[in-house]
Amino acid sequence: MTILDSLYKDHANTLQLLRTLEWQLAEFKVGNQPDYEVVLAAVDYLLNFPDLSHHRTENLIFDKLTQRAPDVAVSVGDLRDTHASLAARTKALADGLRAILADAELPREAIVRWSTELIDHQRQHIDMEERTFFPAAAKILTEEDWRALEANIAANIDPLFDANVDKKFVQLRRAIFSWQRQDETLSANSRAQPRLGA
């Protein structure tokens, strides 16, 4: 698997995680109690794994791209700043959730807003990278660049999506696969519905 293949896989996994957060957020919006263990594990994952591995790898690729084609790097934008902004949004949500669990009085609307903004920004960021950044890196960086990057990138061990799941993420992983099955069932049922006028 190439470096970019691994990053695309991380993105697919993150999108699954965001979908699970959306399901939990939907419960919260209608006044039900979300599974806080699942939500906190998701937020904890987003706080730690991307910066320890995924974003670090992207930043190294971005540095190489900046050396090879500064004008193209400018069109991608300030990747490090975007990564820092995502981390700050995730931390704000984590702090809010922990405050709720400690019986603090926080408006439900604030948690919904923070969650929605985080999910939206994560999706927009992934979309930008896959439309602009990854294709530019694939086109411009040389084989020598990729070899140098591989030498500087540690093995990508994902504590949630790899075979050996970290204990604190077991419940979250179950929830992701459960929601994924429900999504697939709903999607299959909607395709099976007869169309009007058919």
N, C-alpha and C. Protein backbone atom coordinates (compact mmCIF):
# COMPACT_ATOMS: atom_id res chain seq x y z
N MET A 1 0.84 -1.18 0.00
CA MET A 1 0.00 0.00 0.00
C MET A 1 0.89 1.25 0.00
N THR A 2 0.61 2.17 -0.91
CA THR A 2 1.39 3.40 -0.98
C THR A 2 0.98 4.35 0.15
N ILE A 3 1.75 5.39 0.33
CA ILE A 3 1.44 6.40 1.35
C ILE A 3 0.06 7.00 1.07
N LEU A 4 -0.18 7.36 -0.19
CA LEU A 4 -1.48 7.96 -0.53
C LEU A 4 -2.63 6.97 -0.34
N ASP A 5 -2.41 5.71 -0.68
CA ASP A 5 -3.44 4.69 -0.44
C ASP A 5 -3.82 4.65 1.03
N SER A 6 -2.81 4.70 1.88
CA SER A 6 -3.03 4.66 3.32
C SER A 6 -3.82 5.90 3.78
N LEU A 7 -3.51 7.05 3.21
CA LEU A 7 -4.23 8.27 3.58
C LEU A 7 -5.68 8.23 3.10
N TYR A 8 -5.91 7.71 1.90
CA TYR A 8 -7.28 7.56 1.41
C TYR A 8 -8.08 6.61 2.32
N LYS A 9 -7.41 5.54 2.76
CA LYS A 9 -8.07 4.59 3.67
C LYS A 9 -8.42 5.28 4.99
N ASP A 10 -7.50 6.08 5.53
CA ASP A 10 -7.79 6.84 6.76
C ASP A 10 -9.01 7.73 6.56
N HIS A 11 -9.10 8.36 5.41
CA HIS A 11 -10.24 9.23 5.13
C HIS A 11 -11.55 8.44 5.11
N ALA A 12 -11.54 7.29 4.47
CA ALA A 12 -12.75 6.45 4.42
C ALA A 12 -13.17 6.06 5.83
N ASN A 13 -12.19 5.70 6.66
CA ASN A 13 -12.49 5.34 8.05
C ASN A 13 -13.03 6.54 8.82
N THR A 14 -12.45 7.71 8.61
CA THR A 14 -12.92 8.91 9.31
C THR A 14 -14.35 9.23 8.91
N LEU A 15 -14.68 9.06 7.64
CA LEU A 15 -16.06 9.31 7.19
C LEU A 15 -17.05 8.36 7.86
N GLN A 16 -16.64 7.12 8.07
CA GLN A 16 -17.49 6.17 8.82
C GLN A 16 -17.68 6.66 10.25
N LEU A 17 -16.61 7.12 10.84
CA LEU A 17 -16.67 7.62 12.21
C LEU A 17 -17.58 8.84 12.30
N LEU A 18 -17.48 9.75 11.34
CA LEU A 18 -18.33 10.94 11.34
C LEU A 18 -19.80 10.57 11.19
N ARG A 19 -20.08 9.54 10.39
CA ARG A 19 -21.47 9.08 10.23
C ARG A 19 -22.00 8.57 11.56
N THR A 20 -21.19 7.86 12.30
CA THR A 20 -21.60 7.36 13.62
C THR A 20 -21.87 8.53 14.56
N LEU A 21 -21.03 9.55 14.53
CA LEU A 21 -21.26 10.75 15.34
C LEU A 21 -22.59 11.41 14.95
N GLU A 22 -22.90 11.42 13.66
CA GLU A 22 -24.16 12.00 13.22
C GLU A 22 -25.37 11.25 13.78
N TRP A 23 -25.28 9.92 13.80
CA TRP A 23 -26.38 9.13 14.37
C TRP A 23 -26.57 9.50 15.84
N GLN A 24 -25.47 9.61 16.57
CA GLN A 24 -25.55 9.96 17.99
C GLN A 24 -26.08 11.39 18.15
N LEU A 25 -25.65 12.29 17.29
CA LEU A 25 -26.10 13.67 17.33
C LEU A 25 -27.61 13.76 17.07
N ALA A 26 -28.11 12.92 16.17
CA ALA A 26 -29.55 12.90 15.87
C ALA A 26 -30.34 12.55 17.13
N GLU A 27 -29.81 11.62 17.94
CA GLU A 27 -30.47 11.27 19.20
C GLU A 27 -30.49 12.47 20.15
N PHE A 28 -29.37 13.15 20.22
CA PHE A 28 -29.22 14.29 21.10
C PHE A 28 -30.16 15.43 20.70
N LYS A 29 -30.29 15.65 19.37
CA LYS A 29 -31.14 16.74 18.86
C LYS A 29 -32.60 16.57 19.28
N VAL A 30 -33.08 15.32 19.32
CA VAL A 30 -34.50 15.10 19.65
C VAL A 30 -34.72 14.90 21.15
N GLY A 31 -33.67 15.16 21.94
CA GLY A 31 -33.83 15.11 23.39
C GLY A 31 -33.52 13.77 24.02
N ASN A 32 -33.07 12.80 23.21
CA ASN A 32 -32.69 11.51 23.77
C ASN A 32 -31.25 11.56 24.27
N GLN A 33 -30.90 10.55 25.00
CA GLN A 33 -29.55 10.46 25.56
C GLN A 33 -28.67 9.72 24.55
N PRO A 34 -27.64 10.37 24.03
CA PRO A 34 -26.73 9.63 23.15
C PRO A 34 -25.88 8.66 23.97
N ASP A 35 -25.19 7.78 23.30
CA ASP A 35 -24.26 6.88 23.97
C ASP A 35 -22.96 7.67 24.18
N TYR A 36 -22.84 8.26 25.38
CA TYR A 36 -21.69 9.14 25.63
C TYR A 36 -20.36 8.39 25.54
N GLU A 37 -20.36 7.11 25.86
CA GLU A 37 -19.12 6.34 25.76
C GLU A 37 -18.66 6.29 24.31
N VAL A 38 -19.60 6.08 23.40
CA VAL A 38 -19.28 6.03 21.98
C VAL A 38 -18.84 7.41 21.48
N VAL A 39 -19.59 8.45 21.86
CA VAL A 39 -19.28 9.80 21.40
C VAL A 39 -17.91 10.25 21.91
N LEU A 40 -17.64 10.03 23.19
CA LEU A 40 -16.34 10.44 23.75
C LEU A 40 -15.19 9.65 23.13
N ALA A 41 -15.41 8.36 22.86
CA ALA A 41 -14.36 7.57 22.21
C ALA A 41 -14.10 8.10 20.81
N ALA A 42 -15.16 8.47 20.09
CA ALA A 42 -15.00 9.02 18.74
C ALA A 42 -14.21 10.33 18.79
N VAL A 43 -14.57 11.18 19.73
CA VAL A 43 -13.89 12.48 19.85
C VAL A 43 -12.45 12.27 20.30
N ASP A 44 -12.23 11.33 21.20
CA ASP A 44 -10.87 11.02 21.66
C ASP A 44 -10.01 10.53 20.49
N TYR A 45 -10.59 9.69 19.66
CA TYR A 45 -9.88 9.20 18.47
C TYR A 45 -9.51 10.37 17.56
N LEU A 46 -10.49 11.25 17.30
CA LEU A 46 -10.24 12.40 16.43
C LEU A 46 -9.24 13.39 17.03
N LEU A 47 -9.15 13.42 18.36
CA LEU A 47 -8.18 14.29 19.03
C LEU A 47 -6.77 13.76 18.90
N ASN A 48 -6.62 12.45 18.84
CA ASN A 48 -5.28 11.86 18.93
C ASN A 48 -4.74 11.26 17.64
N PHE A 49 -5.45 10.33 17.06
CA PHE A 49 -4.89 9.61 15.92
C PHE A 49 -4.52 10.51 14.75
N PRO A 50 -5.39 11.41 14.30
CA PRO A 50 -5.00 12.22 13.14
C PRO A 50 -3.69 12.98 13.33
N ASP A 51 -3.51 13.61 14.48
CA ASP A 51 -2.29 14.40 14.68
C ASP A 51 -1.05 13.54 14.89
N LEU A 52 -1.22 12.37 15.49
CA LEU A 52 -0.06 11.51 15.72
C LEU A 52 0.42 10.85 14.44
N SER A 53 -0.48 10.59 13.51
CA SER A 53 -0.09 9.83 12.34
C SER A 53 -0.54 10.48 11.03
N HIS A 54 -1.84 10.56 10.83
CA HIS A 54 -2.38 10.98 9.54
C HIS A 54 -1.95 12.40 9.17
N HIS A 55 -2.20 13.36 10.03
CA HIS A 55 -1.85 14.74 9.71
C HIS A 55 -0.34 14.94 9.62
N ARG A 56 0.39 14.21 10.44
CA ARG A 56 1.85 14.32 10.38
C ARG A 56 2.34 13.89 8.99
N THR A 57 1.79 12.79 8.48
CA THR A 57 2.16 12.31 7.15
C THR A 57 1.78 13.34 6.09
N GLU A 58 0.56 13.86 6.18
CA GLU A 58 0.12 14.86 5.20
C GLU A 58 1.00 16.10 5.25
N ASN A 59 1.39 16.52 6.44
CA ASN A 59 2.25 17.70 6.57
C ASN A 59 3.61 17.47 5.90
N LEU A 60 4.16 16.26 6.04
CA LEU A 60 5.44 15.95 5.40
C LEU A 60 5.30 15.98 3.88
N ILE A 61 4.20 15.43 3.37
CA ILE A 61 3.95 15.46 1.92
C ILE A 61 3.79 16.91 1.46
N PHE A 62 3.07 17.69 2.25
CA PHE A 62 2.84 19.09 1.90
C PHE A 62 4.17 19.86 1.84
N ASP A 63 5.07 19.58 2.78
CA ASP A 63 6.38 20.23 2.77
C ASP A 63 7.13 19.91 1.48
N LYS A 64 7.08 18.64 1.05
CA LYS A 64 7.73 18.24 -0.20
C LYS A 64 7.08 18.94 -1.39
N LEU A 65 5.76 19.00 -1.37
CA LEU A 65 5.03 19.67 -2.46
C LEU A 65 5.41 21.15 -2.51
N THR A 66 5.55 21.77 -1.35
CA THR A 66 5.94 23.18 -1.28
C THR A 66 7.32 23.39 -1.89
N GLN A 67 8.24 22.45 -1.65
CA GLN A 67 9.58 22.54 -2.23
C GLN A 67 9.55 22.41 -3.75
N ARG A 68 8.74 21.46 -4.24
CA ARG A 68 8.69 21.17 -5.67
C ARG A 68 7.85 22.18 -6.46
N ALA A 69 6.72 22.61 -5.89
CA ALA A 69 5.80 23.47 -6.63
C ALA A 69 5.10 24.42 -5.66
N PRO A 70 5.79 25.49 -5.25
CA PRO A 70 5.22 26.41 -4.25
C PRO A 70 3.86 26.98 -4.66
N ASP A 71 3.69 27.25 -5.96
CA ASP A 71 2.42 27.82 -6.43
C ASP A 71 1.27 26.84 -6.24
N VAL A 72 1.54 25.55 -6.45
CA VAL A 72 0.51 24.52 -6.25
C VAL A 72 0.20 24.41 -4.76
N ALA A 73 1.23 24.44 -3.93
CA ALA A 73 1.02 24.36 -2.48
C ALA A 73 0.16 25.52 -1.99
N VAL A 74 0.36 26.70 -2.56
CA VAL A 74 -0.45 27.86 -2.19
C VAL A 74 -1.92 27.60 -2.52
N SER A 75 -2.17 26.95 -3.66
CA SER A 75 -3.56 26.67 -4.05
C SER A 75 -4.22 25.66 -3.11
N VAL A 76 -3.42 24.81 -2.48
CA VAL A 76 -3.96 23.85 -1.50
C VAL A 76 -4.36 24.59 -0.23
N GLY A 77 -3.60 25.61 0.13
CA GLY A 77 -3.88 26.37 1.35
C GLY A 77 -2.94 25.98 2.47
N ASP A 78 -3.15 26.56 3.62
CA ASP A 78 -2.29 26.32 4.78
C ASP A 78 -2.75 25.05 5.49
N LEU A 79 -2.18 23.93 5.08
CA LEU A 79 -2.62 22.63 5.60
C LEU A 79 -2.38 22.50 7.10
N ARG A 80 -1.24 22.96 7.56
CA ARG A 80 -0.95 22.87 9.00
C ARG A 80 -1.96 23.67 9.82
N ASP A 81 -2.32 24.85 9.33
CA ASP A 81 -3.29 25.68 10.02
C ASP A 81 -4.67 25.00 10.05
N THR A 82 -5.04 24.39 8.94
CA THR A 82 -6.32 23.68 8.88
C THR A 82 -6.34 22.51 9.86
N HIS A 83 -5.25 21.77 9.92
CA HIS A 83 -5.15 20.65 10.87
C HIS A 83 -5.25 21.15 12.31
N ALA A 84 -4.60 22.28 12.60
CA ALA A 84 -4.66 22.85 13.95
C ALA A 84 -6.08 23.31 14.27
N SER A 85 -6.77 23.88 13.29
CA SER A 85 -8.15 24.33 13.49
C SER A 85 -9.09 23.15 13.77
N LEU A 86 -8.90 22.05 13.04
CA LEU A 86 -9.71 20.85 13.29
C LEU A 86 -9.46 20.31 14.69
N ALA A 87 -8.20 20.31 15.10
CA ALA A 87 -7.87 19.83 16.45
C ALA A 87 -8.51 20.71 17.52
N ALA A 88 -8.52 22.04 17.30
CA ALA A 88 -9.12 22.97 18.27
C ALA A 88 -10.63 22.74 18.36
N ARG A 89 -11.30 22.53 17.22
CA ARG A 89 -12.74 22.27 17.22
C ARG A 89 -13.05 20.96 17.96
N THR A 90 -12.22 19.96 17.72
CA THR A 90 -12.42 18.66 18.37
C THR A 90 -12.24 18.79 19.87
N LYS A 91 -11.23 19.56 20.28
CA LYS A 91 -10.99 19.75 21.72
C LYS A 91 -12.16 20.49 22.37
N ALA A 92 -12.71 21.49 21.68
CA ALA A 92 -13.85 22.24 22.23
C ALA A 92 -15.04 21.30 22.45
N LEU A 93 -15.29 20.42 21.48
CA LEU A 93 -16.39 19.46 21.62
C LEU A 93 -16.11 18.50 22.77
N ALA A 94 -14.87 18.00 22.86
CA ALA A 94 -14.51 17.07 23.95
C ALA A 94 -14.70 17.74 25.30
N ASP A 95 -14.28 18.98 25.44
CA ASP A 95 -14.43 19.71 26.70
C ASP A 95 -15.91 19.88 27.05
N GLY A 96 -16.73 20.21 26.05
CA GLY A 96 -18.16 20.37 26.28
C GLY A 96 -18.82 19.08 26.72
N LEU A 97 -18.47 17.97 26.07
CA LEU A 97 -19.04 16.67 26.44
C LEU A 97 -18.64 16.27 27.86
N ARG A 98 -17.38 16.49 28.19
CA ARG A 98 -16.92 16.14 29.55
C ARG A 98 -17.62 17.01 30.59
N ALA A 99 -17.87 18.26 30.24
CA ALA A 99 -18.58 19.16 31.17
C ALA A 99 -20.00 18.65 31.40
N ILE A 100 -20.66 18.19 30.35
CA ILE A 100 -22.02 17.64 30.50
C ILE A 100 -21.99 16.42 31.41
N LEU A 101 -21.02 15.56 31.21
CA LEU A 101 -20.92 14.35 32.03
C LEU A 101 -20.60 14.69 33.48
N ALA A 102 -20.01 15.85 33.71
CA ALA A 102 -19.73 16.30 35.08
C ALA A 102 -20.88 17.14 35.62
N ASP A 103 -22.05 17.05 34.95
CA ASP A 103 -23.28 17.73 35.37
C ASP A 103 -23.24 19.25 35.23
N ALA A 104 -22.42 19.74 34.33
CA ALA A 104 -22.43 21.18 34.06
C ALA A 104 -23.66 21.52 33.22
N GLU A 105 -24.12 22.73 33.39
CA GLU A 105 -25.28 23.19 32.61
C GLU A 105 -24.78 23.80 31.30
N LEU A 106 -24.87 23.02 30.25
CA LEU A 106 -24.48 23.52 28.93
C LEU A 106 -25.69 23.42 28.01
N PRO A 107 -25.96 24.45 27.24
CA PRO A 107 -27.11 24.38 26.34
C PRO A 107 -26.94 23.25 25.31
N ARG A 108 -28.00 22.49 25.14
CA ARG A 108 -28.01 21.40 24.16
C ARG A 108 -27.61 21.93 22.78
N GLU A 109 -28.07 23.16 22.46
CA GLU A 109 -27.79 23.74 21.14
C GLU A 109 -26.28 23.92 20.91
N ALA A 110 -25.54 24.21 21.99
CA ALA A 110 -24.09 24.41 21.85
C ALA A 110 -23.42 23.11 21.43
N ILE A 111 -23.78 22.01 22.05
CA ILE A 111 -23.19 20.71 21.70
C ILE A 111 -23.56 20.34 20.27
N VAL A 112 -24.83 20.56 19.91
CA VAL A 112 -25.28 20.26 18.55
C VAL A 112 -24.48 21.10 17.55
N ARG A 113 -24.31 22.40 17.85
CA ARG A 113 -23.58 23.30 16.94
C ARG A 113 -22.11 22.87 16.81
N TRP A 114 -21.46 22.62 17.95
CA TRP A 114 -20.04 22.21 17.91
C TRP A 114 -19.87 20.91 17.14
N SER A 115 -20.77 19.96 17.39
CA SER A 115 -20.68 18.66 16.71
C SER A 115 -20.89 18.83 15.21
N THR A 116 -21.92 19.57 14.85
CA THR A 116 -22.24 19.76 13.43
C THR A 116 -21.10 20.47 12.71
N GLU A 117 -20.56 21.52 13.35
CA GLU A 117 -19.45 22.25 12.73
C GLU A 117 -18.23 21.36 12.56
N LEU A 118 -17.94 20.55 13.56
CA LEU A 118 -16.79 19.65 13.47
C LEU A 118 -16.98 18.65 12.32
N ILE A 119 -18.15 18.04 12.26
CA ILE A 119 -18.43 17.06 11.21
C ILE A 119 -18.33 17.72 9.83
N ASP A 120 -18.95 18.90 9.69
CA ASP A 120 -18.92 19.60 8.40
C ASP A 120 -17.49 19.98 7.99
N HIS A 121 -16.72 20.50 8.93
CA HIS A 121 -15.35 20.90 8.61
C HIS A 121 -14.47 19.70 8.28
N GLN A 122 -14.67 18.60 8.99
CA GLN A 122 -13.90 17.39 8.69
C GLN A 122 -14.20 16.92 7.26
N ARG A 123 -15.48 16.89 6.91
CA ARG A 123 -15.86 16.44 5.56
C ARG A 123 -15.32 17.38 4.48
N GLN A 124 -15.43 18.68 4.72
CA GLN A 124 -14.92 19.65 3.74
C GLN A 124 -13.40 19.49 3.57
N HIS A 125 -12.72 19.27 4.68
CA HIS A 125 -11.26 19.11 4.64
C HIS A 125 -10.88 17.85 3.86
N ILE A 126 -11.54 16.76 4.13
CA ILE A 126 -11.28 15.51 3.40
C ILE A 126 -11.54 15.70 1.91
N ASP A 127 -12.66 16.35 1.59
CA ASP A 127 -13.00 16.58 0.19
C ASP A 127 -11.93 17.43 -0.50
N MET A 128 -11.48 18.50 0.16
CA MET A 128 -10.44 19.35 -0.43
C MET A 128 -9.17 18.55 -0.68
N GLU A 129 -8.76 17.77 0.30
CA GLU A 129 -7.52 17.01 0.14
C GLU A 129 -7.62 16.02 -1.02
N GLU A 130 -8.77 15.35 -1.13
CA GLU A 130 -8.91 14.33 -2.17
C GLU A 130 -9.11 14.95 -3.56
N ARG A 131 -9.65 16.16 -3.62
CA ARG A 131 -9.84 16.83 -4.91
C ARG A 131 -8.57 17.56 -5.36
N THR A 132 -7.85 18.15 -4.40
CA THR A 132 -6.76 19.07 -4.74
C THR A 132 -5.38 18.57 -4.32
N PHE A 133 -5.24 18.32 -3.02
CA PHE A 133 -3.91 18.04 -2.46
C PHE A 133 -3.35 16.69 -2.92
N PHE A 134 -4.09 15.61 -2.73
CA PHE A 134 -3.57 14.28 -3.09
C PHE A 134 -3.24 14.17 -4.58
N PRO A 135 -4.16 14.61 -5.48
CA PRO A 135 -3.81 14.53 -6.90
C PRO A 135 -2.57 15.36 -7.26
N ALA A 136 -2.42 16.54 -6.64
CA ALA A 136 -1.24 17.37 -6.92
C ALA A 136 0.03 16.66 -6.46
N ALA A 137 -0.02 16.07 -5.26
CA ALA A 137 1.15 15.36 -4.75
C ALA A 137 1.49 14.17 -5.65
N ALA A 138 0.46 13.43 -6.08
CA ALA A 138 0.68 12.26 -6.94
C ALA A 138 1.32 12.67 -8.27
N LYS A 139 0.92 13.82 -8.78
CA LYS A 139 1.42 14.27 -10.08
C LYS A 139 2.81 14.88 -9.99
N ILE A 140 3.08 15.63 -8.93
CA ILE A 140 4.30 16.45 -8.88
C ILE A 140 5.47 15.77 -8.17
N LEU A 141 5.20 15.04 -7.10
CA LEU A 141 6.32 14.44 -6.36
C LEU A 141 6.94 13.30 -7.15
N THR A 142 8.25 13.18 -7.01
CA THR A 142 8.99 12.16 -7.75
C THR A 142 9.07 10.87 -6.94
N GLU A 143 9.50 9.80 -7.60
CA GLU A 143 9.69 8.53 -6.89
C GLU A 143 10.70 8.70 -5.76
N GLU A 144 11.72 9.50 -6.01
CA GLU A 144 12.72 9.78 -4.97
C GLU A 144 12.07 10.49 -3.77
N ASP A 145 11.16 11.42 -4.04
CA ASP A 145 10.43 12.11 -2.96
C ASP A 145 9.64 11.11 -2.12
N TRP A 146 8.92 10.21 -2.80
CA TRP A 146 8.10 9.23 -2.08
C TRP A 146 8.97 8.29 -1.25
N ARG A 147 10.13 7.89 -1.80
CA ARG A 147 11.04 7.03 -1.02
C ARG A 147 11.54 7.76 0.22
N ALA A 148 11.89 9.03 0.07
CA ALA A 148 12.35 9.83 1.21
C ALA A 148 11.24 9.96 2.25
N LEU A 149 10.02 10.16 1.79
CA LEU A 149 8.89 10.26 2.72
C LEU A 149 8.68 8.95 3.47
N GLU A 150 8.73 7.83 2.75
CA GLU A 150 8.55 6.52 3.39
C GLU A 150 9.57 6.30 4.49
N ALA A 151 10.78 6.79 4.26
CA ALA A 151 11.85 6.62 5.26
C ALA A 151 11.58 7.45 6.51
N ASN A 152 10.77 8.51 6.39
CA ASN A 152 10.49 9.40 7.52
C ASN A 152 9.14 9.19 8.17
N ILE A 153 8.36 8.25 7.62
CA ILE A 153 7.01 8.04 8.14
C ILE A 153 6.97 6.72 8.90
N ALA A 154 6.55 6.79 10.15
CA ALA A 154 6.44 5.58 10.98
C ALA A 154 5.24 4.76 10.51
N ALA A 155 5.26 3.50 10.86
CA ALA A 155 4.13 2.62 10.52
C ALA A 155 2.84 3.19 11.08
N ASN A 156 1.82 3.17 10.28
CA ASN A 156 0.52 3.75 10.63
C ASN A 156 -0.32 2.70 11.37
N ILE A 157 -0.31 2.75 12.70
CA ILE A 157 -1.10 1.80 13.50
C ILE A 157 -2.35 2.53 13.98
N ASP A 158 -3.49 2.09 13.46
CA ASP A 158 -4.76 2.73 13.77
C ASP A 158 -5.42 2.00 14.94
N PRO A 159 -5.62 2.67 16.07
CA PRO A 159 -6.14 1.99 17.27
C PRO A 159 -7.63 1.65 17.19
N LEU A 160 -8.30 2.12 16.15
CA LEU A 160 -9.73 1.86 16.00
C LEU A 160 -10.03 0.93 14.84
N PHE A 161 -9.40 1.15 13.70
CA PHE A 161 -9.78 0.42 12.49
C PHE A 161 -8.84 -0.73 12.14
N ASP A 162 -7.68 -0.84 12.78
CA ASP A 162 -6.80 -1.98 12.52
C ASP A 162 -7.34 -3.22 13.23
N ALA A 163 -6.74 -4.35 12.92
CA ALA A 163 -7.22 -5.63 13.48
C ALA A 163 -7.18 -5.65 15.01
N ASN A 164 -6.10 -5.13 15.58
CA ASN A 164 -5.98 -5.10 17.04
C ASN A 164 -6.53 -3.78 17.57
N VAL A 165 -7.81 -3.80 17.96
CA VAL A 165 -8.48 -2.58 18.42
C VAL A 165 -8.08 -2.29 19.86
N ASP A 166 -7.74 -1.04 20.13
CA ASP A 166 -7.46 -0.60 21.49
C ASP A 166 -8.72 -0.80 22.33
N LYS A 167 -8.54 -1.26 23.58
CA LYS A 167 -9.69 -1.55 24.46
C LYS A 167 -10.67 -0.39 24.56
N LYS A 168 -10.16 0.84 24.60
CA LYS A 168 -11.06 1.97 24.79
C LYS A 168 -11.91 2.27 23.55
N PHE A 169 -11.59 1.61 22.42
CA PHE A 169 -12.34 1.86 21.20
C PHE A 169 -13.24 0.68 20.78
N VAL A 170 -13.28 -0.37 21.59
CA VAL A 170 -14.06 -1.56 21.21
C VAL A 170 -15.55 -1.22 21.04
N GLN A 171 -16.13 -0.51 21.99
CA GLN A 171 -17.55 -0.15 21.92
C GLN A 171 -17.81 0.77 20.72
N LEU A 172 -16.91 1.69 20.47
CA LEU A 172 -17.06 2.59 19.33
C LEU A 172 -17.02 1.80 18.02
N ARG A 173 -16.11 0.87 17.91
CA ARG A 173 -16.02 0.07 16.68
C ARG A 173 -17.30 -0.70 16.44
N ARG A 174 -17.85 -1.29 17.52
CA ARG A 174 -19.13 -2.01 17.39
C ARG A 174 -20.22 -1.07 16.90
N ALA A 175 -20.25 0.14 17.46
CA ALA A 175 -21.27 1.12 17.07
C ALA A 175 -21.12 1.51 15.61
N ILE A 176 -19.89 1.71 15.17
CA ILE A 176 -19.65 2.09 13.77
C ILE A 176 -20.20 1.01 12.84
N PHE A 177 -19.87 -0.25 13.13
CA PHE A 177 -20.32 -1.33 12.25
C PHE A 177 -21.83 -1.52 12.34
N SER A 178 -22.40 -1.28 13.51
CA SER A 178 -23.85 -1.39 13.67
C SER A 178 -24.56 -0.31 12.84
N TRP A 179 -24.11 0.94 12.96
CA TRP A 179 -24.72 2.03 12.19
C TRP A 179 -24.49 1.82 10.70
N GLN A 180 -23.33 1.29 10.35
CA GLN A 180 -23.03 1.04 8.94
C GLN A 180 -24.01 0.01 8.37
N ARG A 181 -24.29 -1.06 9.13
CA ARG A 181 -25.26 -2.06 8.68
C ARG A 181 -26.64 -1.44 8.52
N GLN A 182 -27.02 -0.57 9.48
CA GLN A 182 -28.33 0.09 9.38
C GLN A 182 -28.39 0.99 8.15
N ASP A 183 -27.32 1.72 7.89
CA ASP A 183 -27.27 2.58 6.70
C ASP A 183 -27.42 1.74 5.43
N GLU A 184 -26.70 0.61 5.38
CA GLU A 184 -26.77 -0.25 4.20
C GLU A 184 -28.17 -0.83 4.02
N THR A 185 -28.82 -1.21 5.13
CA THR A 185 -30.18 -1.74 5.06
C THR A 185 -31.15 -0.68 4.57
N LEU A 186 -31.04 0.54 5.13
CA LEU A 186 -31.92 1.64 4.69
C LEU A 186 -31.71 1.95 3.21
N SER A 187 -30.45 1.95 2.80
CA SER A 187 -30.12 2.24 1.40
C SER A 187 -30.69 1.16 0.49
N ALA A 188 -30.54 -0.10 0.89
CA ALA A 188 -31.06 -1.22 0.08
C ALA A 188 -32.58 -1.15 0.01
N ASN A 189 -33.23 -0.83 1.14
CA ASN A 189 -34.69 -0.74 1.16
C ASN A 189 -35.20 0.40 0.27
N SER A 190 -34.48 1.54 0.29
CA SER A 190 -34.93 2.67 -0.53
C SER A 190 -34.77 2.37 -2.02
N ARG A 191 -33.73 1.59 -2.37
CA ARG A 191 -33.56 1.21 -3.78
C ARG A 191 -34.62 0.21 -4.22
N ALA A 192 -35.11 -0.59 -3.25
CA ALA A 192 -36.08 -1.62 -3.57
C ALA A 192 -37.50 -1.08 -3.68
N GLN A 193 -37.74 0.16 -3.19
CA GLN A 193 -39.07 0.76 -3.24
C GLN A 193 -39.48 1.00 -4.68
N PRO A 194 -40.74 0.63 -5.06
CA PRO A 194 -41.17 0.92 -6.43
C PRO A 194 -41.30 2.42 -6.65
N ARG A 195 -40.95 2.88 -7.81
CA ARG A 195 -41.03 4.30 -8.13
C ARG A 195 -42.45 4.65 -8.57
N LEU A 196 -42.88 5.86 -8.26
CA LEU A 196 -44.19 6.31 -8.70
C LEU A 196 -44.23 6.36 -10.21
N GLY A 197 -45.30 5.87 -10.78
CA GLY A 197 -45.47 5.91 -12.21
C GLY A 197 -44.76 4.78 -12.93
N ALA A 198 -44.12 3.88 -12.13
CA ALA A 198 -43.40 2.77 -12.77
C ALA A 198 -44.36 1.66 -13.12
